N, C-alpha and C. Protein backbone atom coordinates (compact mmCIF):
# COMPACT_ATOMS: atom_id res chain seq x y z
N MET A 1 100.52 218.33 64.98
CA MET A 1 101.27 219.22 64.12
C MET A 1 100.30 220.20 63.46
N LYS A 2 100.62 221.47 63.51
CA LYS A 2 99.78 222.51 62.93
C LYS A 2 99.99 222.53 61.42
N THR A 3 98.88 222.54 60.67
CA THR A 3 98.98 222.60 59.21
C THR A 3 99.09 224.05 58.77
N PHE A 4 99.44 224.22 57.51
CA PHE A 4 99.53 225.58 56.97
C PHE A 4 98.16 226.25 56.96
N THR A 5 97.11 225.46 56.68
CA THR A 5 95.76 226.02 56.68
C THR A 5 95.38 226.49 58.07
N ASP A 6 95.73 225.71 59.09
CA ASP A 6 95.48 226.13 60.47
C ASP A 6 96.24 227.43 60.78
N ALA A 7 97.46 227.50 60.31
CA ALA A 7 98.26 228.69 60.55
C ALA A 7 97.61 229.90 59.89
N TYR A 8 97.12 229.72 58.65
CA TYR A 8 96.45 230.81 57.95
C TYR A 8 95.24 231.29 58.75
N ASN A 9 94.43 230.35 59.17
CA ASN A 9 93.20 230.71 59.89
C ASN A 9 93.48 231.34 61.25
N SER A 10 94.64 231.14 61.80
CA SER A 10 94.95 231.69 63.12
C SER A 10 95.42 233.14 63.06
N TYR A 11 95.61 233.68 61.85
CA TYR A 11 96.06 235.06 61.71
C TYR A 11 94.93 235.93 61.18
N PRO A 12 94.25 236.68 62.07
CA PRO A 12 93.12 237.52 61.62
C PRO A 12 93.55 238.60 60.65
N LYS A 13 94.80 239.03 60.69
CA LYS A 13 95.23 240.10 59.78
C LYS A 13 95.16 239.68 58.32
N PHE A 14 95.08 238.36 58.04
CA PHE A 14 95.00 237.89 56.66
C PHE A 14 93.60 237.98 56.08
N ARG A 15 92.61 238.29 56.90
CA ARG A 15 91.23 238.30 56.42
C ARG A 15 90.82 239.72 56.02
N CYS A 16 90.41 239.86 54.78
CA CYS A 16 89.87 241.14 54.32
C CYS A 16 89.03 240.87 53.08
N GLY A 17 88.29 241.87 52.63
CA GLY A 17 87.39 241.70 51.50
C GLY A 17 87.98 242.14 50.18
N CYS A 18 89.23 242.52 50.13
CA CYS A 18 89.88 243.00 48.92
C CYS A 18 89.91 241.89 47.85
N PRO A 19 89.42 242.16 46.61
CA PRO A 19 89.40 241.11 45.58
C PRO A 19 90.80 240.55 45.28
N ASP A 20 91.82 241.43 45.22
CA ASP A 20 93.17 240.93 44.97
C ASP A 20 93.64 240.03 46.10
N PHE A 21 93.25 240.40 47.30
CA PHE A 21 93.66 239.59 48.44
C PHE A 21 92.95 238.24 48.41
N GLU A 22 91.70 238.21 47.93
CA GLU A 22 90.98 236.94 47.83
C GLU A 22 91.71 235.99 46.88
N ILE A 23 92.28 236.51 45.81
CA ILE A 23 93.07 235.68 44.88
C ILE A 23 94.30 235.14 45.60
N LEU A 24 94.98 236.03 46.35
CA LEU A 24 96.15 235.58 47.11
C LEU A 24 95.75 234.52 48.14
N LYS A 25 94.60 234.73 48.77
CA LYS A 25 94.12 233.77 49.77
C LYS A 25 93.86 232.41 49.10
N TYR A 26 93.22 232.44 47.93
CA TYR A 26 92.94 231.20 47.20
C TYR A 26 94.26 230.48 46.87
N ASN A 27 95.24 231.26 46.36
CA ASN A 27 96.54 230.66 46.03
C ASN A 27 97.22 230.09 47.27
N PHE A 28 97.07 230.79 48.40
CA PHE A 28 97.65 230.32 49.64
C PHE A 28 97.02 229.00 50.06
N TYR A 29 95.67 228.93 50.00
CA TYR A 29 94.97 227.69 50.34
C TYR A 29 95.41 226.56 49.41
N TYR A 30 95.51 226.88 48.11
CA TYR A 30 95.92 225.86 47.15
C TYR A 30 97.31 225.33 47.49
N LEU A 31 98.23 226.23 47.77
CA LEU A 31 99.59 225.84 48.14
C LEU A 31 99.58 225.00 49.42
N CYS A 32 98.79 225.41 50.40
CA CYS A 32 98.69 224.64 51.65
C CYS A 32 98.18 223.24 51.40
N ASP A 33 97.13 223.15 50.57
CA ASP A 33 96.57 221.83 50.27
C ASP A 33 97.61 220.95 49.58
N CYS A 34 98.37 221.53 48.63
CA CYS A 34 99.40 220.75 47.94
C CYS A 34 100.48 220.28 48.91
N ILE A 35 100.90 221.15 49.79
CA ILE A 35 101.92 220.79 50.76
C ILE A 35 101.40 219.71 51.70
N GLU A 36 100.16 219.85 52.16
CA GLU A 36 99.59 218.85 53.07
C GLU A 36 99.45 217.50 52.37
N ILE A 37 99.06 217.51 51.08
CA ILE A 37 98.96 216.26 50.33
C ILE A 37 100.33 215.63 50.22
N LYS A 38 101.34 216.41 49.89
CA LYS A 38 102.70 215.88 49.78
C LYS A 38 103.18 215.35 51.13
N GLN A 39 102.86 216.04 52.22
CA GLN A 39 103.23 215.55 53.55
C GLN A 39 102.58 214.20 53.81
N ASN A 40 101.30 214.07 53.45
CA ASN A 40 100.60 212.81 53.66
C ASN A 40 101.21 211.70 52.81
N GLU A 41 101.57 212.02 51.55
CA GLU A 41 102.19 211.02 50.70
C GLU A 41 103.54 210.61 51.27
N PHE A 42 104.29 211.57 51.78
CA PHE A 42 105.61 211.28 52.33
C PHE A 42 105.50 210.44 53.59
N ASN A 43 104.53 210.76 54.44
CA ASN A 43 104.38 210.06 55.71
C ASN A 43 103.68 208.71 55.57
N MET A 44 103.03 208.48 54.44
CA MET A 44 102.28 207.25 54.26
C MET A 44 103.23 206.06 54.15
N GLU A 45 103.03 205.10 55.00
CA GLU A 45 103.86 203.92 54.97
C GLU A 45 103.32 202.95 53.93
N VAL A 46 104.22 202.29 53.23
CA VAL A 46 103.80 201.23 52.33
C VAL A 46 103.65 199.98 53.19
N ARG A 47 102.48 199.39 53.11
CA ARG A 47 102.23 198.16 53.85
C ARG A 47 102.49 196.98 52.93
N PHE A 48 102.72 195.83 53.53
CA PHE A 48 102.98 194.62 52.78
C PHE A 48 102.06 193.51 53.27
N CYS A 49 101.65 192.66 52.35
CA CYS A 49 100.82 191.52 52.70
C CYS A 49 101.55 190.70 53.75
N GLN A 50 100.85 190.35 54.79
CA GLN A 50 101.43 189.62 55.91
C GLN A 50 101.42 188.11 55.67
N SER A 51 101.26 187.74 54.39
CA SER A 51 101.35 186.34 54.01
C SER A 51 102.41 186.14 52.92
N CYS A 52 102.34 186.98 51.86
CA CYS A 52 103.27 186.81 50.73
C CYS A 52 104.26 187.95 50.57
N GLY A 53 104.07 189.06 51.28
CA GLY A 53 105.00 190.18 51.20
C GLY A 53 104.72 191.16 50.08
N MET A 54 103.63 190.97 49.35
CA MET A 54 103.31 191.88 48.25
C MET A 54 103.01 193.28 48.79
N PRO A 55 103.52 194.34 48.13
CA PRO A 55 103.18 195.71 48.56
C PRO A 55 101.68 195.96 48.42
N LEU A 56 101.10 196.58 49.42
CA LEU A 56 99.67 196.92 49.41
C LEU A 56 99.56 198.42 49.19
N ARG A 57 99.63 198.83 47.94
CA ARG A 57 99.67 200.25 47.59
C ARG A 57 98.28 200.85 47.38
N GLN A 58 97.35 200.03 46.93
CA GLN A 58 96.01 200.53 46.60
C GLN A 58 94.96 199.68 47.29
N THR A 59 93.78 200.24 47.44
CA THR A 59 92.68 199.52 48.07
C THR A 59 92.38 198.23 47.31
N GLU A 60 92.55 198.25 45.99
CA GLU A 60 92.27 197.07 45.17
C GLU A 60 93.21 195.92 45.49
N ASP A 61 94.36 196.22 46.10
CA ASP A 61 95.33 195.18 46.44
C ASP A 61 94.92 194.40 47.69
N LEU A 62 94.00 194.97 48.49
CA LEU A 62 93.66 194.38 49.77
C LEU A 62 92.74 193.17 49.65
N GLY A 63 92.93 192.20 50.54
CA GLY A 63 92.03 191.07 50.64
C GLY A 63 90.72 191.54 51.27
N THR A 64 89.79 190.60 51.46
CA THR A 64 88.49 190.97 52.02
C THR A 64 88.16 190.12 53.24
N ASN A 65 87.48 190.76 54.18
CA ASN A 65 86.97 190.06 55.36
C ASN A 65 85.66 189.38 55.00
N VAL A 66 85.09 188.64 55.95
CA VAL A 66 83.82 187.94 55.73
C VAL A 66 82.72 188.91 55.29
N ASP A 67 82.70 190.11 55.87
CA ASP A 67 81.67 191.11 55.53
C ASP A 67 82.04 191.95 54.31
N GLN A 68 83.06 191.52 53.58
CA GLN A 68 83.53 192.16 52.34
C GLN A 68 84.23 193.50 52.55
N THR A 69 84.52 193.87 53.79
CA THR A 69 85.33 195.07 54.03
C THR A 69 86.78 194.72 53.71
N PRO A 70 87.58 195.71 53.33
CA PRO A 70 88.98 195.44 53.03
C PRO A 70 89.74 194.95 54.26
N ASN A 71 90.60 193.99 54.06
CA ASN A 71 91.47 193.51 55.13
C ASN A 71 92.81 194.21 54.97
N GLU A 72 93.24 194.92 55.98
CA GLU A 72 94.44 195.76 55.90
C GLU A 72 95.74 194.95 55.98
N ASP A 73 95.67 193.68 56.34
CA ASP A 73 96.88 192.88 56.55
C ASP A 73 97.27 191.99 55.37
N PHE A 74 96.29 191.59 54.57
CA PHE A 74 96.57 190.60 53.54
C PHE A 74 96.11 191.05 52.16
N CYS A 75 96.80 190.58 51.13
CA CYS A 75 96.46 190.96 49.75
C CYS A 75 95.28 190.13 49.24
N ARG A 76 94.75 190.54 48.10
CA ARG A 76 93.60 189.88 47.50
C ARG A 76 93.92 188.49 47.00
N PHE A 77 95.19 188.21 46.75
CA PHE A 77 95.57 186.88 46.28
C PHE A 77 95.66 185.88 47.43
N CYS A 78 95.95 186.37 48.63
CA CYS A 78 96.13 185.49 49.79
C CYS A 78 94.89 185.36 50.67
N TYR A 79 94.00 186.38 50.65
CA TYR A 79 92.92 186.41 51.64
C TYR A 79 91.64 186.94 51.02
N GLN A 80 90.60 186.11 50.98
CA GLN A 80 89.31 186.53 50.45
C GLN A 80 88.20 185.98 51.34
N ASP A 81 87.19 186.78 51.54
CA ASP A 81 86.01 186.38 52.31
C ASP A 81 86.37 185.89 53.72
N GLY A 82 87.42 186.47 54.31
CA GLY A 82 87.79 186.14 55.67
C GLY A 82 88.62 184.87 55.83
N ASN A 83 89.08 184.32 54.70
CA ASN A 83 89.88 183.10 54.75
C ASN A 83 91.08 183.19 53.83
N PHE A 84 92.12 182.45 54.17
CA PHE A 84 93.26 182.36 53.25
C PHE A 84 92.83 181.57 52.02
N THR A 85 93.32 181.99 50.88
CA THR A 85 92.93 181.35 49.62
C THR A 85 93.64 180.02 49.41
N GLN A 86 94.78 179.81 50.09
CA GLN A 86 95.53 178.57 49.96
C GLN A 86 95.96 178.08 51.33
N ASP A 87 95.87 176.78 51.52
CA ASP A 87 96.34 176.16 52.75
C ASP A 87 97.77 175.69 52.48
N VAL A 88 98.72 176.56 52.81
CA VAL A 88 100.13 176.28 52.49
C VAL A 88 101.02 176.54 53.70
N THR A 89 102.20 175.98 53.65
CA THR A 89 103.22 176.28 54.66
C THR A 89 103.99 177.51 54.20
N MET A 90 104.80 178.05 55.07
CA MET A 90 105.63 179.19 54.70
C MET A 90 106.57 178.81 53.55
N GLU A 91 107.16 177.65 53.62
CA GLU A 91 108.09 177.21 52.57
C GLU A 91 107.37 177.08 51.22
N MET A 92 106.16 176.58 51.24
CA MET A 92 105.37 176.48 50.00
C MET A 92 105.06 177.87 49.44
N MET A 93 104.77 178.83 50.33
CA MET A 93 104.50 180.20 49.89
C MET A 93 105.75 180.81 49.27
N ILE A 94 106.90 180.57 49.88
CA ILE A 94 108.16 181.09 49.33
C ILE A 94 108.39 180.54 47.92
N GLU A 95 108.20 179.25 47.75
CA GLU A 95 108.37 178.63 46.42
C GLU A 95 107.37 179.23 45.43
N HIS A 96 106.14 179.46 45.87
CA HIS A 96 105.13 180.07 45.00
C HIS A 96 105.55 181.48 44.59
N CYS A 97 105.99 182.28 45.56
CA CYS A 97 106.37 183.68 45.27
C CYS A 97 107.64 183.75 44.42
N ALA A 98 108.51 182.77 44.56
CA ALA A 98 109.77 182.78 43.81
C ALA A 98 109.55 182.73 42.30
N GLN A 99 108.42 182.23 41.87
CA GLN A 99 108.16 182.17 40.43
C GLN A 99 107.93 183.56 39.82
N PHE A 100 107.77 184.58 40.67
CA PHE A 100 107.52 185.94 40.19
C PHE A 100 108.77 186.83 40.25
N VAL A 101 109.94 186.23 40.43
CA VAL A 101 111.19 187.00 40.56
C VAL A 101 111.45 187.84 39.31
N ASP A 102 111.23 187.29 38.13
CA ASP A 102 111.48 188.05 36.90
C ASP A 102 110.57 189.28 36.83
N GLU A 103 109.32 189.12 37.24
CA GLU A 103 108.39 190.25 37.25
C GLU A 103 108.84 191.31 38.26
N PHE A 104 109.29 190.88 39.43
CA PHE A 104 109.82 191.79 40.45
C PHE A 104 111.04 192.54 39.90
N ASN A 105 111.92 191.84 39.22
CA ASN A 105 113.15 192.44 38.71
C ASN A 105 112.89 193.53 37.67
N LYS A 106 111.78 193.45 36.95
CA LYS A 106 111.45 194.48 35.95
C LYS A 106 111.30 195.85 36.59
N ASP A 107 110.71 195.90 37.80
CA ASP A 107 110.41 197.17 38.46
C ASP A 107 111.39 197.52 39.57
N SER A 108 112.49 196.80 39.65
CA SER A 108 113.40 197.00 40.76
C SER A 108 114.81 197.32 40.27
N ALA A 109 115.48 198.20 40.99
CA ALA A 109 116.88 198.51 40.67
C ALA A 109 117.77 197.34 41.08
N GLN A 110 117.33 196.61 42.09
CA GLN A 110 118.08 195.45 42.58
C GLN A 110 117.58 194.21 41.85
N LYS A 111 118.41 193.61 41.04
CA LYS A 111 118.04 192.40 40.30
C LYS A 111 118.48 191.18 41.10
N LEU A 112 117.52 190.31 41.39
CA LEU A 112 117.80 189.13 42.19
C LEU A 112 117.76 187.87 41.33
N THR A 113 118.62 186.93 41.66
CA THR A 113 118.51 185.61 41.06
C THR A 113 117.39 184.88 41.80
N HIS A 114 116.96 183.78 41.24
CA HIS A 114 115.93 182.96 41.87
C HIS A 114 116.38 182.53 43.27
N GLU A 115 117.61 182.12 43.39
CA GLU A 115 118.16 181.66 44.67
C GLU A 115 118.26 182.79 45.69
N GLU A 116 118.70 183.99 45.24
CA GLU A 116 118.80 185.14 46.14
C GLU A 116 117.42 185.54 46.66
N ALA A 117 116.42 185.49 45.78
CA ALA A 117 115.06 185.84 46.19
C ALA A 117 114.56 184.87 47.25
N ILE A 118 114.77 183.59 47.04
CA ILE A 118 114.34 182.58 48.01
C ILE A 118 115.06 182.80 49.34
N SER A 119 116.33 183.08 49.29
CA SER A 119 117.11 183.32 50.51
C SER A 119 116.56 184.52 51.28
N GLN A 120 116.27 185.60 50.57
CA GLN A 120 115.73 186.79 51.22
C GLN A 120 114.34 186.54 51.80
N MET A 121 113.51 185.80 51.07
CA MET A 121 112.17 185.50 51.58
C MET A 121 112.25 184.62 52.83
N ARG A 122 113.21 183.72 52.87
CA ARG A 122 113.36 182.87 54.06
C ARG A 122 113.76 183.69 55.29
N GLU A 123 114.42 184.79 55.08
CA GLU A 123 114.75 185.69 56.19
C GLU A 123 113.57 186.60 56.56
N TYR A 124 112.82 187.03 55.55
CA TYR A 124 111.75 188.02 55.73
C TYR A 124 110.43 187.41 56.19
N PHE A 125 110.02 186.32 55.59
CA PHE A 125 108.70 185.75 55.85
C PHE A 125 108.44 185.39 57.31
N PRO A 126 109.41 184.90 58.07
CA PRO A 126 109.12 184.57 59.48
C PRO A 126 108.64 185.78 60.30
N HIS A 127 108.84 186.99 59.79
CA HIS A 127 108.41 188.19 60.50
C HIS A 127 106.99 188.62 60.11
N LEU A 128 106.41 187.98 59.11
CA LEU A 128 105.05 188.30 58.68
C LEU A 128 104.04 187.62 59.61
N LYS A 129 102.90 188.28 59.82
CA LYS A 129 101.89 187.79 60.78
C LYS A 129 101.47 186.35 60.55
N ARG A 130 101.26 185.98 59.30
CA ARG A 130 100.77 184.63 59.02
C ARG A 130 101.76 183.55 59.46
N TRP A 131 103.04 183.85 59.40
CA TRP A 131 104.06 182.82 59.62
C TRP A 131 104.74 182.92 60.98
N LYS A 132 104.46 183.93 61.76
CA LYS A 132 105.13 184.10 63.05
C LYS A 132 104.98 182.89 63.96
N ASN A 133 103.77 182.38 64.11
CA ASN A 133 103.54 181.24 65.01
C ASN A 133 104.19 179.97 64.47
N GLU A 134 104.25 179.86 63.15
CA GLU A 134 104.85 178.67 62.54
C GLU A 134 106.35 178.59 62.80
N THR A 135 106.99 179.75 62.93
CA THR A 135 108.45 179.77 63.07
C THR A 135 108.92 179.93 64.50
N GLU A 136 108.01 180.13 65.44
CA GLU A 136 108.41 180.34 66.84
C GLU A 136 108.57 179.02 67.57
């Protein structure tokens, strides 16, 4: 996909040494950068921990590999130093996560009861990487 900056650079008629035009050019670049940033934000997928389902919105949310690089699949609560932090079954993880329903409800338009949250996790968790083999 061609960006606005690429489009600008492809038109030689836009290049000149006029001071007023340089201001317009700066504003054009600024607008292009803002649009490209918004496009990137819009296209950016929210990832979820493949163990507990927590949204992975920031680098700080990511677990770590053995070499301390961020692990893109698991959160910092589930995965550190290349290992899972808890040796649990999927059902145990669901029970653990269910204790945070009230915290989830604070930031959500959809308010879930404890039972509804557990029911939804039982449907969702089997699709997460950590639990796929356990449920197949």
